[in-house]
Amino acid sequence: MLVGHYDHHMDAKNRVIVPFKLREIEGGEMLTNAFYLTKGPEGCVFAYTVSAWRRIIEERLGRSALPSRRMRELQRGFAGSAHYCTCDKQGRVVLPQELVDYAGLGREVTWIGAADRAEIWDSKGWREYEEERAASFADLFDSLADSDETDGFPGGAAETGKGESPGT
């Protein structure tokens, strides 16, 4: 599981260290020597492990032999902007210029662990995003209590087996 936030510097060649805690953890799937980077919403870059990427492609984006227009657009934007990346011996990755430009990444970047993926943000952009969302975080969290998105969360539909949150 990818968690935490880590501030790093990107050099003039677009190299940035992949935080050690996102690369090495016992018993969990991490961003080891190879992973996929792609465009994420809200102006960030998503980083997926190879197996998480395969799951997304197979289970979410590759389900239909005749995908809808909306799905085709998502496939093109998501998979079409993806880059297979590897770390060098110093644990750095070269961020593709296309993704640096898309996310508006400056020299200071922040890696965010977001459970099944990591996100790479311009550090200033991340701080602004956090400030904008701080007041609504509790409301957002509470709204998940009654949704299907809680599957897998403690007390969520998958855990209770009832399709509802405890106490309802």
C-alpha atoms as a PDB file:
ATOM      1  CA  MET A   1       0.000   0.000   0.000  1.00  0.00           C
ATOM      2  CA  LEU A   2       1.336   3.410  -0.981  1.00  0.00           C
ATOM      3  CA  VAL A   3       0.961   6.006   1.773  1.00  0.00           C
ATOM      4  CA  GLY A   4       2.487   9.248   3.007  1.00  0.00           C
ATOM      5  CA  HIS A   5       3.771  12.391   1.321  1.00  0.00           C
ATOM      6  CA  TYR A   6       7.345  13.172   0.397  1.00  0.00           C
ATOM      7  CA  ASP A   7       8.921  16.366  -0.922  1.00  0.00           C
ATOM      8  CA  HIS A   8      11.769  16.059  -3.437  1.00  0.00           C
ATOM      9  CA  HIS A   9      13.682  18.151  -5.930  1.00  0.00           C
ATOM     10  CA  MET A  10      13.516  17.508  -9.689  1.00  0.00           C
ATOM     11  CA  ASP A  11      16.766  18.302 -11.493  1.00  0.00           C
ATOM     12  CA  ALA A  12      17.233  19.956 -14.909  1.00  0.00           C
ATOM     13  CA  LYS A  13      17.033  16.524 -16.605  1.00  0.00           C
ATOM     14  CA  ASN A  14      13.616  15.830 -15.011  1.00  0.00           C
ATOM     15  CA  ARG A  15      15.107  13.255 -12.658  1.00  0.00           C
ATOM     16  CA  VAL A  16      13.475  12.892  -9.269  1.00  0.00           C
ATOM     17  CA  ILE A  17      14.050  10.433  -6.455  1.00  0.00           C
ATOM     18  CA  VAL A  18      11.288   7.916  -5.908  1.00  0.00           C
ATOM     19  CA  PRO A  19      10.841   8.092  -2.130  1.00  0.00           C
ATOM     20  CA  PHE A  20      12.399   5.111  -0.392  1.00  0.00           C
ATOM     21  CA  LYS A  21       9.188   4.399   1.536  1.00  0.00           C
ATOM     22  CA  LEU A  22       7.317   4.073  -1.764  1.00  0.00           C
ATOM     23  CA  ARG A  23      10.016   1.820  -3.218  1.00  0.00           C
ATOM     24  CA  GLU A  24      10.796  -0.570  -0.401  1.00  0.00           C
ATOM     25  CA  ILE A  25       8.348  -2.001   2.076  1.00  0.00           C
ATOM     26  CA  GLU A  26       8.178  -5.522   3.395  1.00  0.00           C
ATOM     27  CA  GLY A  27       5.247  -7.617   2.249  1.00  0.00           C
ATOM     28  CA  GLY A  28       3.630  -4.994   0.049  1.00  0.00           C
ATOM     29  CA  GLU A  29       3.644  -4.089  -3.585  1.00  0.00           C
ATOM     30  CA  MET A  30       5.595  -0.924  -4.108  1.00  0.00           C
ATOM     31  CA  LEU A  31       7.081   1.205  -6.877  1.00  0.00           C
ATOM     32  CA  THR A  32      10.194  -0.919  -7.185  1.00  0.00           C
ATOM     33  CA  ASN A  33      12.409  -0.798 -10.264  1.00  0.00           C
ATOM     34  CA  ALA A  34       9.636  -0.469 -12.825  1.00  0.00           C
ATOM     35  CA  PHE A  35       6.224   1.209 -12.892  1.00  0.00           C
ATOM     36  CA  TYR A  36       3.863   3.191 -15.098  1.00  0.00           C
ATOM     37  CA  LEU A  37       3.345   6.947 -15.083  1.00  0.00           C
ATOM     38  CA  THR A  38       0.307   8.575 -16.683  1.00  0.00           C
ATOM     39  CA  LYS A  39      -1.855  11.678 -16.556  1.00  0.00           C
ATOM     40  CA  GLY A  40      -4.002  11.971 -13.468  1.00  0.00           C
ATOM     41  CA  PRO A  41      -6.907  14.322 -12.882  1.00  0.00           C
ATOM     42  CA  GLU A  42      -6.484  17.575 -10.946  1.00  0.00           C
ATOM     43  CA  GLY A  43      -3.139  18.254 -12.618  1.00  0.00           C
ATOM     44  CA  CYS A  44      -0.947  15.509 -11.221  1.00  0.00           C
ATOM     45  CA  VAL A  45       0.861  12.428 -12.489  1.00  0.00           C
ATOM     46  CA  PHE A  46      -0.294   8.967 -11.411  1.00  0.00           C
ATOM     47  CA  ALA A  47       2.290   6.240 -10.708  1.00  0.00           C
ATOM     48  CA  TYR A  48       1.161   2.596 -10.737  1.00  0.00           C
ATOM     49  CA  THR A  49       2.981  -0.625  -9.997  1.00  0.00           C
ATOM     50  CA  VAL A  50       3.165  -2.961 -12.976  1.00  0.00           C
ATOM     51  CA  SER A  51       0.558  -5.335 -11.525  1.00  0.00           C
ATOM     52  CA  ALA A  52      -1.829  -2.488 -10.562  1.00  0.00           C
ATOM     53  CA  TRP A  53      -1.495  -1.107 -14.098  1.00  0.00           C
ATOM     54  CA  ARG A  54      -2.326  -4.505 -15.597  1.00  0.00           C
ATOM     55  CA  ARG A  55      -5.393  -4.791 -13.344  1.00  0.00           C
ATOM     56  CA  ILE A  56      -6.662  -1.385 -14.452  1.00  0.00           C
ATOM     57  CA  ILE A  57      -6.138  -2.149 -18.114  1.00  0.00           C
ATOM     58  CA  GLU A  58      -7.648  -5.629 -17.939  1.00  0.00           C
ATOM     59  CA  GLU A  59     -10.493  -5.025 -15.496  1.00  0.00           C
ATOM     60  CA  ARG A  60     -11.468  -1.417 -16.154  1.00  0.00           C
ATOM     61  CA  LEU A  61     -10.294  -0.217 -19.543  1.00  0.00           C
ATOM     62  CA  GLY A  62     -10.219  -3.403 -21.583  1.00  0.00           C
ATOM     63  CA  ARG A  63     -13.582  -4.946 -20.717  1.00  0.00           C
ATOM     64  CA  SER A  64     -15.464  -4.326 -23.933  1.00  0.00           C
ATOM     65  CA  ALA A  65     -14.640  -5.328 -27.480  1.00  0.00           C
ATOM     66  CA  LEU A  66     -16.894  -2.427 -28.536  1.00  0.00           C
ATOM     67  CA  PRO A  67     -16.206   0.359 -26.032  1.00  0.00           C
ATOM     68  CA  SER A  68     -18.424   3.414 -25.811  1.00  0.00           C
ATOM     69  CA  ARG A  69     -17.176   6.812 -26.954  1.00  0.00           C
ATOM     70  CA  ARG A  70     -16.611   7.850 -23.336  1.00  0.00           C
ATOM     71  CA  MET A  71     -14.564   4.697 -22.656  1.00  0.00           C
ATOM     72  CA  ARG A  72     -12.518   5.191 -25.830  1.00  0.00           C
ATOM     73  CA  GLU A  73     -11.714   8.745 -24.749  1.00  0.00           C
ATOM     74  CA  LEU A  74     -10.679   7.525 -21.310  1.00  0.00           C
ATOM     75  CA  GLN A  75      -8.541   4.758 -22.814  1.00  0.00           C
ATOM     76  CA  ARG A  76      -6.778   7.224 -25.111  1.00  0.00           C
ATOM     77  CA  GLY A  77      -6.182   9.803 -22.407  1.00  0.00           C
ATOM     78  CA  PHE A  78      -5.148   7.361 -19.702  1.00  0.00           C
ATOM     79  CA  ALA A  79      -3.308   4.601 -21.562  1.00  0.00           C
ATOM     80  CA  GLY A  80      -2.222   6.841 -24.429  1.00  0.00           C
ATOM     81  CA  SER A  81      -0.292   9.132 -22.088  1.00  0.00           C
ATOM     82  CA  ALA A  82       1.288   6.284 -20.098  1.00  0.00           C
ATOM     83  CA  HIS A  83       5.024   5.739 -19.854  1.00  0.00           C
ATOM     84  CA  TYR A  84       6.798   2.628 -18.575  1.00  0.00           C
ATOM     85  CA  CYS A  85       9.588   3.887 -16.310  1.00  0.00           C
ATOM     86  CA  THR A  86      12.477   2.403 -14.410  1.00  0.00           C
ATOM     87  CA  CYS A  87      14.631   3.722 -11.584  1.00  0.00           C
ATOM     88  CA  ASP A  88      18.352   4.259 -11.939  1.00  0.00           C
ATOM     89  CA  LYS A  89      20.852   2.993  -9.355  1.00  0.00           C
ATOM     90  CA  GLN A  90      20.254   6.078  -7.201  1.00  0.00           C
ATOM     91  CA  GLY A  91      16.492   5.415  -7.063  1.00  0.00           C
ATOM     92  CA  ARG A  92      15.644   8.225  -9.481  1.00  0.00           C
ATOM     93  CA  VAL A  93      13.176   8.225 -12.342  1.00  0.00           C
ATOM     94  CA  VAL A  94      13.218  10.517 -15.361  1.00  0.00           C
ATOM     95  CA  LEU A  95       9.786  12.119 -15.643  1.00  0.00           C
ATOM     96  CA  PRO A  96       8.705  12.357 -19.295  1.00  0.00           C
ATOM     97  CA  GLN A  97       8.526  15.981 -20.458  1.00  0.00           C
ATOM     98  CA  GLU A  98       4.925  15.443 -21.633  1.00  0.00           C
ATOM     99  CA  LEU A  99       3.860  14.602 -18.073  1.00  0.00           C
ATOM    100  CA  VAL A 100       5.993  17.362 -16.518  1.00  0.00           C
ATOM    101  CA  ASP A 101       4.242  19.880 -18.769  1.00  0.00           C
ATOM    102  CA  TYR A 102       0.776  18.392 -18.205  1.00  0.00           C
ATOM    103  CA  ALA A 103       1.087  18.534 -14.407  1.00  0.00           C
ATOM    104  CA  GLY A 104       2.920  21.876 -14.374  1.00  0.00           C
ATOM    105  CA  LEU A 105       5.736  20.359 -12.340  1.00  0.00           C
ATOM    106  CA  GLY A 106       8.410  22.747 -11.144  1.00  0.00           C
ATOM    107  CA  ARG A 107      11.685  21.882  -9.469  1.00  0.00           C
ATOM    108  CA  GLU A 108       9.990  21.067  -6.154  1.00  0.00           C
ATOM    109  CA  VAL A 109       7.669  18.059  -6.377  1.00  0.00           C
ATOM    110  CA  THR A 110       5.618  16.154  -3.833  1.00  0.00           C
ATOM    111  CA  TRP A 111       4.921  12.436  -4.004  1.00  0.00           C
ATOM    112  CA  ILE A 112       1.610  11.408  -2.424  1.00  0.00           C
ATOM    113  CA  GLY A 113       0.813   7.811  -1.498  1.00  0.00           C
ATOM    114  CA  ALA A 114      -2.825   7.253  -2.493  1.00  0.00           C
ATOM    115  CA  ALA A 115      -3.379   3.589  -1.521  1.00  0.00           C
ATOM    116  CA  ASP A 116      -3.259   1.802  -4.908  1.00  0.00           C
ATOM    117  CA  ARG A 117      -1.085   4.410  -6.623  1.00  0.00           C
ATOM    118  CA  ALA A 118       1.266   7.292  -5.958  1.00  0.00           C
ATOM    119  CA  GLU A 119       0.712  10.784  -7.277  1.00  0.00           C
ATOM    120  CA  ILE A 120       3.333  13.341  -8.267  1.00  0.00           C
ATOM    121  CA  TRP A 121       2.369  16.985  -7.760  1.00  0.00           C
ATOM    122  CA  ASP A 122       4.088  20.298  -8.114  1.00  0.00           C
ATOM    123  CA  SER A 123       4.741  21.058  -4.423  1.00  0.00           C
ATOM    124  CA  LYS A 124       3.074  24.475  -4.541  1.00  0.00           C
ATOM    125  CA  GLY A 125       0.099  22.994  -6.391  1.00  0.00           C
ATOM    126  CA  TRP A 126      -0.210  20.243  -3.769  1.00  0.00           C
ATOM    127  CA  ARG A 127      -0.237  22.751  -0.899  1.00  0.00           C
ATOM    128  CA  GLU A 128      -2.925  24.799  -2.672  1.00  0.00           C
ATOM    129  CA  TYR A 129      -4.967  21.662  -3.331  1.00  0.00           C
ATOM    130  CA  GLU A 130      -4.713  20.642   0.334  1.00  0.00           C
ATOM    131  CA  GLU A 131      -5.778  24.094   1.525  1.00  0.00           C
ATOM    132  CA  GLU A 132      -8.783  24.142  -0.830  1.00  0.00           C
ATOM    133  CA  ARG A 133      -9.913  20.673   0.249  1.00  0.00           C
ATOM    134  CA  ALA A 134      -9.173  20.881   3.988  1.00  0.00           C
ATOM    135  CA  ALA A 135     -12.609  22.162   4.963  1.00  0.00           C
ATOM    136  CA  SER A 136     -14.464  19.602   2.867  1.00  0.00           C
ATOM    137  CA  PHE A 137     -12.386  16.538   3.809  1.00  0.00           C
ATOM    138  CA  ALA A 138     -14.592  15.529   6.746  1.00  0.00           C
ATOM    139  CA  ASP A 139     -17.742  15.909   4.634  1.00  0.00           C
ATOM    140  CA  LEU A 140     -16.194  13.886   1.812  1.00  0.00           C
ATOM    141  CA  PHE A 141     -15.140  11.145   4.207  1.00  0.00           C
ATOM    142  CA  ASP A 142     -18.623  11.030   5.764  1.00  0.00           C
ATOM    143  CA  SER A 143     -20.278  10.872   2.349  1.00  0.00           C
ATOM    144  CA  LEU A 144     -18.352   7.669   1.606  1.00  0.00           C
ATOM    145  CA  ALA A 145     -20.008   5.941   4.555  1.00  0.00           C
ATOM    146  CA  ASP A 146     -23.174   5.346   2.548  1.00  0.00           C
ATOM    147  CA  SER A 147     -21.639   4.702  -0.857  1.00  0.00           C
ATOM    148  CA  ASP A 148     -20.406   1.615  -2.626  1.00  0.00           C
ATOM    149  CA  GLU A 149     -16.973   3.236  -2.651  1.00  0.00           C
ATOM    150  CA  THR A 150     -16.538   2.084   0.954  1.00  0.00           C
ATOM    151  CA  ASP A 151     -16.015  -1.505  -0.138  1.00  0.00           C
ATOM    152  CA  GLY A 152     -12.707  -2.471   1.383  1.00  0.00           C
ATOM    153  CA  PHE A 153     -12.747   0.249   4.046  1.00  0.00           C
ATOM    154  CA  PRO A 154     -13.114  -0.892   7.659  1.00  0.00           C
ATOM    155  CA  GLY A 155     -16.831  -1.183   8.285  1.00  0.00           C
ATOM    156  CA  GLY A 156     -17.615  -0.788   4.583  1.00  0.00           C
ATOM    157  CA  ALA A 157     -19.978  -2.901   2.508  1.00  0.00           C
ATOM    158  CA  ALA A 158     -17.388  -5.570   1.740  1.00  0.00           C
ATOM    159  CA  GLU A 159     -16.578  -6.045   5.429  1.00  0.00           C
ATOM    160  CA  THR A 160     -20.131  -6.033   6.757  1.00  0.00           C
ATOM    161  CA  GLY A 161     -21.466  -8.076   3.853  1.00  0.00           C
ATOM    162  CA  LYS A 162     -24.635  -5.997   3.995  1.00  0.00           C
ATOM    163  CA  GLY A 163     -23.905  -3.357   1.362  1.00  0.00           C
ATOM    164  CA  GLU A 164     -24.362  -0.692   4.002  1.00  0.00           C
ATOM    165  CA  SER A 165     -22.235   0.950   6.620  1.00  0.00           C
ATOM    166  CA  PRO A 166     -22.514  -0.114  10.254  1.00  0.00           C
ATOM    167  CA  GLY A 167     -25.180   1.653  12.264  1.00  0.00           C
ATOM    168  CA  THR A 168     -27.557   2.244   9.376  1.00  0.00           C
END
